[in-house]
Protein backbone atom coordinates (compact mmCIF):
# COMPACT_ATOMS: atom_id res chain seq x y z
CA MET A 1 13.57 33.16 -38.01
CA ILE A 2 16.71 34.83 -36.72
CA LYS A 3 20.12 33.17 -36.85
CA ILE A 4 21.71 32.59 -33.45
CA GLU A 5 24.98 34.51 -33.54
CA HIS A 6 27.59 35.31 -30.91
CA PRO A 7 31.22 36.42 -31.29
CA ASP A 8 32.30 33.70 -28.81
CA LEU A 9 29.95 30.95 -30.00
CA ILE A 10 32.71 28.35 -30.39
CA SER A 11 34.19 28.97 -26.95
CA ILE A 12 30.69 28.93 -25.40
CA SER A 13 29.90 25.58 -27.03
CA ASN A 14 33.30 24.18 -25.98
CA LYS A 15 32.82 25.24 -22.37
CA TYR A 16 29.30 23.84 -22.34
CA SER A 17 30.49 20.53 -23.81
CA LYS A 18 33.29 20.26 -21.26
CA ASN A 19 30.96 20.89 -18.30
CA ILE A 20 28.19 18.53 -19.46
CA LYS A 21 30.78 15.88 -20.23
CA SER A 22 32.16 16.20 -16.68
CA LEU A 23 28.67 15.82 -15.17
CA PHE A 24 27.92 12.88 -17.45
CA LEU A 25 31.14 11.05 -16.63
CA SER A 26 30.58 11.60 -12.91
CA LYS A 27 27.24 9.79 -13.28
CA ILE A 28 29.06 6.94 -15.03
CA ASN A 29 31.63 6.80 -12.24
CA ASP A 30 28.85 6.63 -9.63
CA ILE A 31 27.36 3.59 -11.38
CA LEU A 32 30.76 1.87 -11.63
CA GLU A 33 31.55 2.64 -7.98
CA VAL A 34 28.22 1.16 -6.86
CA ILE A 35 28.85 -2.01 -8.89
CA SER A 36 32.33 -2.22 -7.41
CA ILE A 37 30.82 -2.06 -3.90
CA LEU A 38 28.29 -4.76 -4.77
CA GLU A 39 31.05 -7.00 -6.13
CA SER A 40 33.37 -6.54 -3.16
CA SER A 41 33.51 -8.98 -0.26
CA GLY A 42 33.48 -6.35 2.49
CA ILE A 43 30.50 -4.77 4.24
CA ALA A 44 29.30 -1.32 3.14
CA ASP A 45 29.23 1.22 5.96
CA GLU A 46 29.08 4.98 6.50
CA LYS A 47 32.68 5.35 5.37
CA THR A 48 31.78 3.67 2.06
CA VAL A 49 29.11 6.26 1.21
CA LEU A 50 30.70 9.29 2.84
CA LYS A 51 29.75 12.48 0.94
CA LYS A 52 28.16 10.40 -1.84
CA VAL A 53 24.76 9.47 -0.41
CA ASN A 54 22.76 11.38 -3.06
CA ASN A 55 24.97 10.19 -5.92
CA PHE A 56 24.97 6.55 -4.83
CA THR A 57 21.23 6.60 -4.09
CA SER A 58 20.47 7.56 -7.69
CA ALA A 59 23.06 5.14 -9.06
CA ILE A 60 22.00 2.04 -7.15
CA LYS A 61 18.39 2.47 -8.31
CA ILE A 62 19.70 2.10 -11.86
CA VAL A 63 21.81 -0.95 -10.96
CA ILE A 64 19.05 -2.85 -9.12
CA GLY A 65 16.19 -1.61 -11.31
CA LYS A 66 14.10 -0.36 -8.38
CA ASN A 67 12.52 3.02 -7.72
CA LYS A 68 13.07 2.93 -3.96
CA LEU A 69 15.77 1.86 -1.54
CA LEU A 70 15.08 -0.98 0.87
CA ASN A 71 13.83 0.07 4.30
CA SER A 72 16.55 -0.29 6.92
CA LYS A 73 14.11 0.07 9.84
CA HIS A 74 16.11 3.12 10.89
CA PRO A 75 13.86 5.75 12.54
CA VAL A 76 12.63 8.45 10.21
CA GLY A 77 14.81 11.51 10.50
CA GLU A 78 18.50 12.36 10.22
CA GLY A 79 20.49 9.42 8.89
CA LYS A 80 17.51 7.56 7.45
CA ASN A 81 18.60 7.96 3.80
CA THR A 82 22.19 6.97 4.61
CA ASN A 83 21.14 3.85 6.49
CA ASP A 84 18.64 2.83 3.79
CA LEU A 85 21.39 3.18 1.19
CA ILE A 86 23.88 1.09 3.23
CA PHE A 87 21.23 -1.56 3.90
CA THR A 88 20.36 -1.75 0.18
CA LEU A 89 24.01 -1.98 -0.88
CA ASN A 90 24.63 -4.85 1.50
CA TYR A 91 21.40 -6.63 0.53
CA TYR A 92 22.27 -6.63 -3.19
CA LYS A 93 25.90 -7.60 -2.77
CA ILE A 94 27.00 -10.76 -4.55
CA LYS A 95 26.51 -13.53 -2.01
CA SER A 96 28.41 -16.77 -1.65
CA ASP A 97 25.51 -19.05 -2.63
CA LYS A 98 25.90 -20.29 -6.19
CA ARG A 99 22.54 -19.19 -7.58
CA SER A 100 22.78 -15.65 -6.24
CA LYS A 101 26.39 -15.30 -7.26
CA CYS A 102 25.78 -16.48 -10.81
CA ARG A 103 22.70 -14.32 -11.37
CA LYS A 104 24.03 -11.12 -9.83
CA THR A 105 27.48 -11.47 -11.37
CA LYS A 106 25.90 -11.76 -14.83
CA THR A 107 23.58 -8.79 -14.26
CA TYR A 108 26.30 -6.51 -12.91
CA ASN A 109 28.80 -7.50 -15.60
CA GLU A 110 26.32 -6.79 -18.40
CA LEU A 111 25.55 -3.36 -16.98
CA LYS A 112 29.22 -2.64 -16.31
CA ASN A 113 30.13 -3.50 -19.91
CA LYS A 114 27.44 -1.15 -21.25
CA ILE A 115 28.52 1.66 -18.93
CA ASN A 116 32.19 1.21 -19.84
CA ASN A 117 31.27 1.28 -23.54
CA LEU A 118 29.29 4.46 -22.94
CA ALA A 119 32.24 6.02 -21.09
CA THR A 120 34.59 5.17 -23.96
CA PHE A 121 32.17 6.66 -26.49
CA ILE A 122 31.80 9.89 -24.51
CA GLN A 123 35.56 10.19 -24.15
CA ASP A 124 36.23 9.54 -27.84
CA ASN A 125 33.39 11.63 -29.35
CA ASP A 126 32.22 15.17 -28.74
CA LEU A 127 28.54 14.25 -28.33
CA PHE A 128 27.77 17.48 -26.49
CA GLY A 129 29.58 19.96 -28.72
CA SER A 130 29.53 18.54 -32.26
CA LEU A 131 28.04 20.61 -35.08
CA PRO A 132 24.47 19.94 -36.30
CA TYR A 133 25.45 17.95 -39.41
CA GLU A 134 27.59 15.58 -37.27
CA LEU A 135 24.93 14.77 -34.68
CA ILE A 136 22.76 12.25 -36.52
CA ASP A 137 25.65 9.82 -37.03
CA LEU A 138 26.62 10.13 -33.35
CA ASN A 139 23.04 9.40 -32.32
CA ASP A 140 22.87 6.31 -34.54
CA GLU A 141 26.20 4.97 -33.24
CA LEU A 142 25.15 5.43 -29.65
CA LYS A 143 21.74 3.89 -30.28
CA LEU A 144 23.42 0.75 -31.59
CA LEU A 145 25.93 0.70 -28.74
CA LEU A 146 23.25 0.99 -26.04
CA THR A 147 20.71 -1.46 -27.50
CA GLY A 148 18.63 -2.85 -24.66
CA ILE A 149 19.37 -0.07 -22.16
CA THR A 150 16.53 0.32 -19.66
CA LYS A 151 14.31 3.40 -19.67
CA ARG A 152 15.40 4.09 -16.10
CA ALA A 153 19.09 4.06 -17.09
CA TYR A 154 18.39 6.18 -20.17
CA ASN A 155 16.65 8.85 -18.08
CA TYR A 156 19.45 8.76 -15.53
CA PHE A 157 21.94 9.81 -18.19
CA PHE A 158 20.00 11.60 -20.94
CA ASN A 159 16.89 13.22 -19.43
CA TYR A 160 17.74 16.86 -20.10
CA ASN A 161 15.36 18.09 -17.39
CA ASN A 162 18.00 16.88 -14.90
CA TYR A 163 20.51 19.26 -16.49
CA TYR A 164 18.39 22.42 -16.81
CA THR A 165 20.60 24.54 -14.54
CA PRO A 166 23.93 23.81 -16.28
CA ILE A 167 22.21 24.06 -19.68
CA ASN A 168 20.74 27.42 -18.81
CA ASN A 169 23.98 28.71 -17.25
CA ASP A 170 26.42 27.52 -19.89
CA LEU A 171 24.17 27.88 -22.94
CA GLY A 172 21.17 30.14 -22.31
CA LYS A 173 22.82 32.81 -20.18
CA ALA A 174 26.09 32.65 -22.12
CA LEU A 175 24.36 33.29 -25.47
CA ASP A 176 22.27 36.02 -23.83
CA LEU A 177 19.39 35.82 -26.31
CA LYS A 178 16.62 38.16 -25.30
CA CYS A 179 13.89 36.83 -27.57
CA CYS A 180 12.94 33.65 -29.39
CA PRO A 181 14.95 33.03 -32.58
CA TYR A 182 12.12 31.02 -34.14
CA CYS A 183 9.51 33.81 -34.08
CA ASN A 184 11.37 36.96 -32.98
CA ARG A 185 8.18 37.91 -31.12
CA ASN A 186 8.47 36.75 -27.49
CA PHE A 187 11.02 37.51 -24.81
CA ILE A 188 12.90 34.52 -23.35
CA THR A 189 14.86 36.40 -20.68
CA TYR A 190 15.75 34.24 -17.68
CA ILE A 191 14.41 35.57 -14.37
CA PRO A 192 15.14 33.49 -11.26
CA ASP A 193 13.75 33.63 -7.74
CA LYS A 194 15.86 31.86 -5.11
CA ASN A 195 17.45 29.65 -7.78
CA SER A 196 14.12 28.57 -9.28
CA ARG A 197 12.95 29.83 -12.66
CA ILE A 198 10.05 32.28 -12.84
CA ILE A 199 10.47 33.01 -16.54
CA GLY A 200 13.05 31.76 -18.97
CA PRO A 201 13.64 29.97 -22.24
CA THR A 202 12.45 26.51 -23.01
CA TYR A 203 15.02 24.48 -24.95
CA ASP A 204 13.67 23.02 -28.16
CA HIS A 205 15.39 19.95 -29.53
CA PHE A 206 15.84 20.73 -33.22
CA PHE A 207 16.22 17.01 -33.88
CA ASN A 208 13.18 15.48 -32.20
CA LYS A 209 14.21 13.92 -28.88
CA ALA A 210 11.82 10.99 -29.30
CA ARG A 211 13.54 9.93 -32.53
CA TYR A 212 17.07 11.16 -31.79
CA GLU A 213 17.04 10.30 -28.10
CA TYR A 214 20.79 10.54 -27.55
CA LEU A 215 21.06 14.17 -28.68
CA THR A 216 19.08 15.61 -25.76
CA LEU A 217 22.16 17.28 -24.24
CA SER A 218 23.98 18.34 -27.43
CA PHE A 219 24.66 22.08 -27.59
CA TYR A 220 23.65 22.49 -31.24
CA ASN A 221 20.46 20.54 -30.69
CA LEU A 222 19.26 22.86 -27.93
CA ILE A 223 17.51 25.96 -29.27
CA PRO A 224 16.57 28.58 -26.64
CA SER A 225 13.00 29.38 -27.59
CA CYS A 226 9.67 30.61 -26.29
CA TYR A 227 7.01 28.30 -24.91
CA ILE A 228 4.59 29.02 -27.76
CA CYS A 229 7.03 28.05 -30.52
CA ASN A 230 8.41 25.01 -28.70
CA CYS A 231 5.41 23.56 -26.88
CA ASN A 232 2.38 24.83 -28.82
CA LEU A 233 3.60 24.86 -32.41
CA LYS A 234 6.68 22.70 -33.05
CA LEU A 235 5.80 19.87 -30.66
CA ASP A 236 7.09 16.61 -32.19
CA ALA A 237 7.62 17.88 -35.75
CA ASP A 238 10.45 15.93 -37.37
CA PHE A 239 12.98 18.61 -38.31
CA LYS A 240 15.89 17.78 -40.59
CA LEU A 241 18.64 19.97 -42.00
CA ASN A 242 17.29 19.58 -45.54
CA THR A 243 13.66 20.37 -44.63
CA HIS A 244 13.98 23.18 -42.07
CA LEU A 245 16.35 26.01 -41.19
CA HIS A 246 18.60 25.36 -38.20
CA PRO A 247 18.99 28.57 -36.12
CA TYR A 248 22.70 28.01 -35.52
CA LEU A 249 23.32 27.61 -39.26
CA GLY A 250 21.18 30.40 -40.65
CA GLY A 251 18.06 32.51 -40.48
CA PHE A 252 15.78 34.22 -42.96
CA GLY A 253 18.37 36.94 -43.49
CA ASN A 254 17.81 38.89 -46.70
CA ASP A 255 16.34 35.85 -48.46
CA VAL A 256 12.95 36.43 -46.83
CA PHE A 257 11.49 39.81 -45.95
CA PHE A 258 8.35 41.31 -44.42
CA ASP A 259 6.11 43.20 -46.79
CA PHE A 260 2.68 44.74 -46.33
CA GLU A 261 -0.44 45.84 -48.10
CA LEU A 262 -2.62 48.63 -46.79
CA SER A 263 -6.29 49.30 -47.19
CA THR A 264 -8.29 52.34 -46.21
CA LYS A 265 -11.83 52.86 -45.07
CA SER A 266 -13.20 56.39 -44.98
CA ASN A 267 -16.17 57.84 -43.18
CA ILE A 268 -17.30 61.36 -42.43
CA ASN A 269 -15.01 61.78 -39.45
CA ASN A 270 -11.77 60.06 -40.42
CA LYS A 271 -9.88 57.65 -42.64
CA LYS A 272 -8.90 54.31 -41.11
CA ILE A 273 -5.84 52.48 -42.43
CA SER A 274 -5.27 48.77 -41.88
CA PHE A 275 -2.19 46.72 -42.73
CA SER A 276 -1.88 43.14 -43.92
CA LEU A 277 1.56 41.57 -43.37
CA ASN A 278 3.27 38.96 -45.50
CA LEU A 279 6.60 37.18 -45.50
CA LYS A 280 7.94 37.00 -49.03
CA PRO A 281 10.96 35.29 -50.61
CA HIS A 282 13.62 37.40 -52.29
CA HIS A 283 13.70 36.78 -56.03
CA GLU A 284 17.27 35.41 -55.78
CA ILE A 285 16.58 32.89 -53.01
CA SER A 286 17.66 29.34 -53.83
CA LEU A 287 14.93 26.74 -54.32
CA GLN A 288 16.35 24.60 -51.51
CA LYS A 289 16.26 27.41 -48.97
CA LYS A 290 12.83 28.51 -50.14
CA GLU A 291 11.47 25.02 -49.50
CA ARG A 292 13.12 24.85 -46.06
CA ILE A 293 11.42 28.12 -45.12
CA PHE A 294 8.07 28.07 -46.95
CA GLY A 295 7.70 24.30 -47.04
CA ILE A 296 6.63 21.81 -49.68
CA PRO A 297 2.87 21.55 -50.37
CA THR A 298 2.89 17.75 -50.11
CA GLN A 299 4.66 17.79 -46.72
CA LYS A 300 2.41 19.16 -44.01
CA LYS A 301 5.06 20.12 -41.44
CA SER A 302 7.87 21.14 -43.77
CA GLY A 303 9.29 24.65 -43.64
CA ASN A 304 9.87 26.83 -40.59
CA LEU A 305 7.29 29.37 -41.68
CA ASN A 306 4.56 26.70 -41.76
CA VAL A 307 5.45 25.02 -38.48
CA PHE A 308 5.66 28.25 -36.51
CA LYS A 309 2.63 29.82 -38.26
CA LEU A 310 4.56 33.02 -38.88
CA GLN A 311 2.26 34.32 -41.62
CA GLU A 312 -0.67 33.96 -39.25
CA VAL A 313 0.81 35.19 -35.97
CA TYR A 314 2.36 38.29 -37.51
CA GLN A 315 -1.04 39.54 -38.62
CA SER A 316 -1.46 40.80 -35.06
CA HIS A 317 1.43 43.25 -35.52
CA GLY A 318 -0.12 45.62 -38.02
CA ASP A 319 0.17 48.39 -35.42
CA SER A 320 3.98 48.17 -35.57
CA VAL A 321 3.85 48.62 -39.34
CA GLU A 322 1.45 51.52 -38.97
CA GLU A 323 3.75 53.28 -36.52
CA ILE A 324 6.66 53.15 -38.95
CA TYR A 325 4.41 54.01 -41.90
CA ARG A 326 3.17 57.22 -40.24
CA LYS A 327 6.75 58.42 -39.80
CA PHE A 328 7.18 58.23 -43.57
CA ASP A 329 3.72 59.56 -44.48
CA LYS A 330 3.88 63.20 -45.54
CA THR A 331 0.37 63.83 -44.26
CA SER A 332 1.23 62.52 -40.81
CA TYR A 333 2.12 64.59 -37.76
CA TYR A 334 5.06 62.19 -37.23
CA TYR A 335 6.55 62.68 -40.71
CA ILE A 336 10.36 62.79 -40.48
CA GLY A 337 11.21 63.91 -43.99
CA SER A 338 14.40 62.78 -45.70
CA ILE A 339 16.35 60.27 -43.61
CA SER A 340 19.61 61.31 -45.30
CA ASP A 341 19.04 64.99 -44.53
CA ILE A 342 18.26 64.29 -40.87
CA ILE A 343 21.33 62.07 -40.47
CA ASN A 344 23.54 64.81 -41.97
CA LYS A 345 22.01 67.51 -39.77
CA LEU A 346 22.37 65.43 -36.61
CA ASN A 347 25.90 64.39 -37.61
CA THR A 348 25.11 60.82 -36.58
CA SER A 349 25.03 57.37 -38.15
CA GLU A 350 21.94 55.78 -39.61
CA GLU A 351 22.17 53.04 -36.98
CA GLU A 352 22.13 55.57 -34.11
CA PHE A 353 19.25 57.48 -35.68
CA TYR A 354 17.28 54.28 -36.25
CA ARG A 355 17.77 53.11 -32.65
CA PHE A 356 16.59 56.46 -31.31
CA TYR A 357 13.66 57.09 -33.62
CA PHE A 358 12.37 53.61 -34.41
CA ARG A 359 13.29 52.07 -31.04
CA ASN A 360 14.72 48.81 -32.28
CA TYR A 361 18.00 47.27 -33.39
CA TYR A 362 19.43 48.12 -36.79
CA LYS A 363 21.94 45.31 -37.37
CA PRO A 364 20.74 41.74 -38.08
CA ILE A 365 23.25 40.35 -35.57
CA ASP A 366 21.29 42.21 -32.86
CA PHE A 367 17.79 41.11 -33.91
CA ASN A 368 17.71 38.50 -31.12
CA LYS A 369 17.87 41.29 -28.55
CA ARG A 370 14.37 42.69 -29.07
CA PRO A 371 11.05 41.38 -30.40
CA LEU A 372 9.93 42.34 -33.93
CA ALA A 373 13.42 43.58 -34.82
CA LYS A 374 13.42 42.01 -38.29
CA LEU A 375 9.86 43.13 -39.01
CA ASP A 376 10.66 46.74 -38.08
CA ARG A 377 13.87 46.81 -40.12
CA ASP A 378 12.26 45.25 -43.23
CA ILE A 379 9.35 47.70 -43.17
CA TYR A 380 11.77 50.58 -42.58
CA ASN A 381 13.87 49.48 -45.58
CA LYS A 382 10.83 49.39 -47.85
CA LEU A 383 9.40 52.73 -46.75
CA LYS A 384 12.79 54.43 -46.86
CA MET A 385 13.26 53.23 -50.44
CA ILE A 386 9.79 54.47 -51.44
CA SER A 387 10.42 57.79 -49.68
CA GLU A 388 13.73 58.35 -51.47
CA GLN A 389 12.25 57.44 -54.86
CA THR A 390 9.36 59.86 -54.27
CA LEU A 391 11.76 62.59 -53.16
CA HIS A 392 13.93 62.18 -56.27
CA ALA A 393 10.85 62.21 -58.49
CA ASP A 394 9.67 65.47 -56.83
CA ILE A 395 13.09 67.07 -57.36
CA LYS A 396 13.12 66.17 -61.07
CA VAL A 397 9.66 67.65 -61.53
């Protein structure tokens, strides 16, 4: 797993939080405006809903608990939605008869109190931009505050599918991750067609959205990821900060590295080499981090490596290892000799040489820009070390 890094990460998260907060509060204001209309003594008309038909249509469905507006008998066509909305607003207004007035006043007041409490919470807490270790407490506070909220109202505010465009613009595009941080195998580049997505990242909720339902829009709970990692492998796994690595807080880094074993099969015509890949812990890795990566035997879905099946899926990339191996193999046509000598002769940096010859990124901060970047660099490091040791041994002899 690759850590999500960006030089402007804080400003990106702040901008995202500000924009989502604005959208969220506008939804709250729509609900409060609709309730205000229903409580008023006047008659709703076109002036009442001017330029707010779509907003008020969504809001009143939450207030009245219905999926559809009442039919105004207006002919189908231009103005139908507006007239249905006006008709519905007037129908559900608080009437003068005692029974209706008492029932509706109670219903609207209860909802208004919940919405005002939600508005105060959103204003006082940075739900959308708080760091990962602050989110669980915010979720629990909000869960207590909104006890009894209807599913319809919850979806109106917290269904993140309704926010995909601002999420993708202010988070996905701003971070500019080219491939999945969980696996570093698949591209997640966003490609639109007339404002609709052809290809792009899915957004995994690190803290499961079924259990932590009020963190669906939080920046540090949205991990741009590939469909396979998010929808085929992670699914509803219950990630926690003490059982799994959080991509915004850290990746495998140097604590875990790719290694390989090779085997050969010879026949009359040629010698075939095959490679078996493994992810191994560095000998100085802490026990806590090792468990968060490799998992605990008694906990089935603990550890990122287990959940995302990285040991298994990387077995299909033996060809990448072979390509690098042949460039270090003295018997190979692609043998490059001493890396140090070539760098000196070319008068270039190792990073520039690596990018040109091995066609991937050298620095860990760039690993999210191209698939298999960590694999290639780890194998390169191992083979370079072996090559240099062999070269020094030859010189001594």
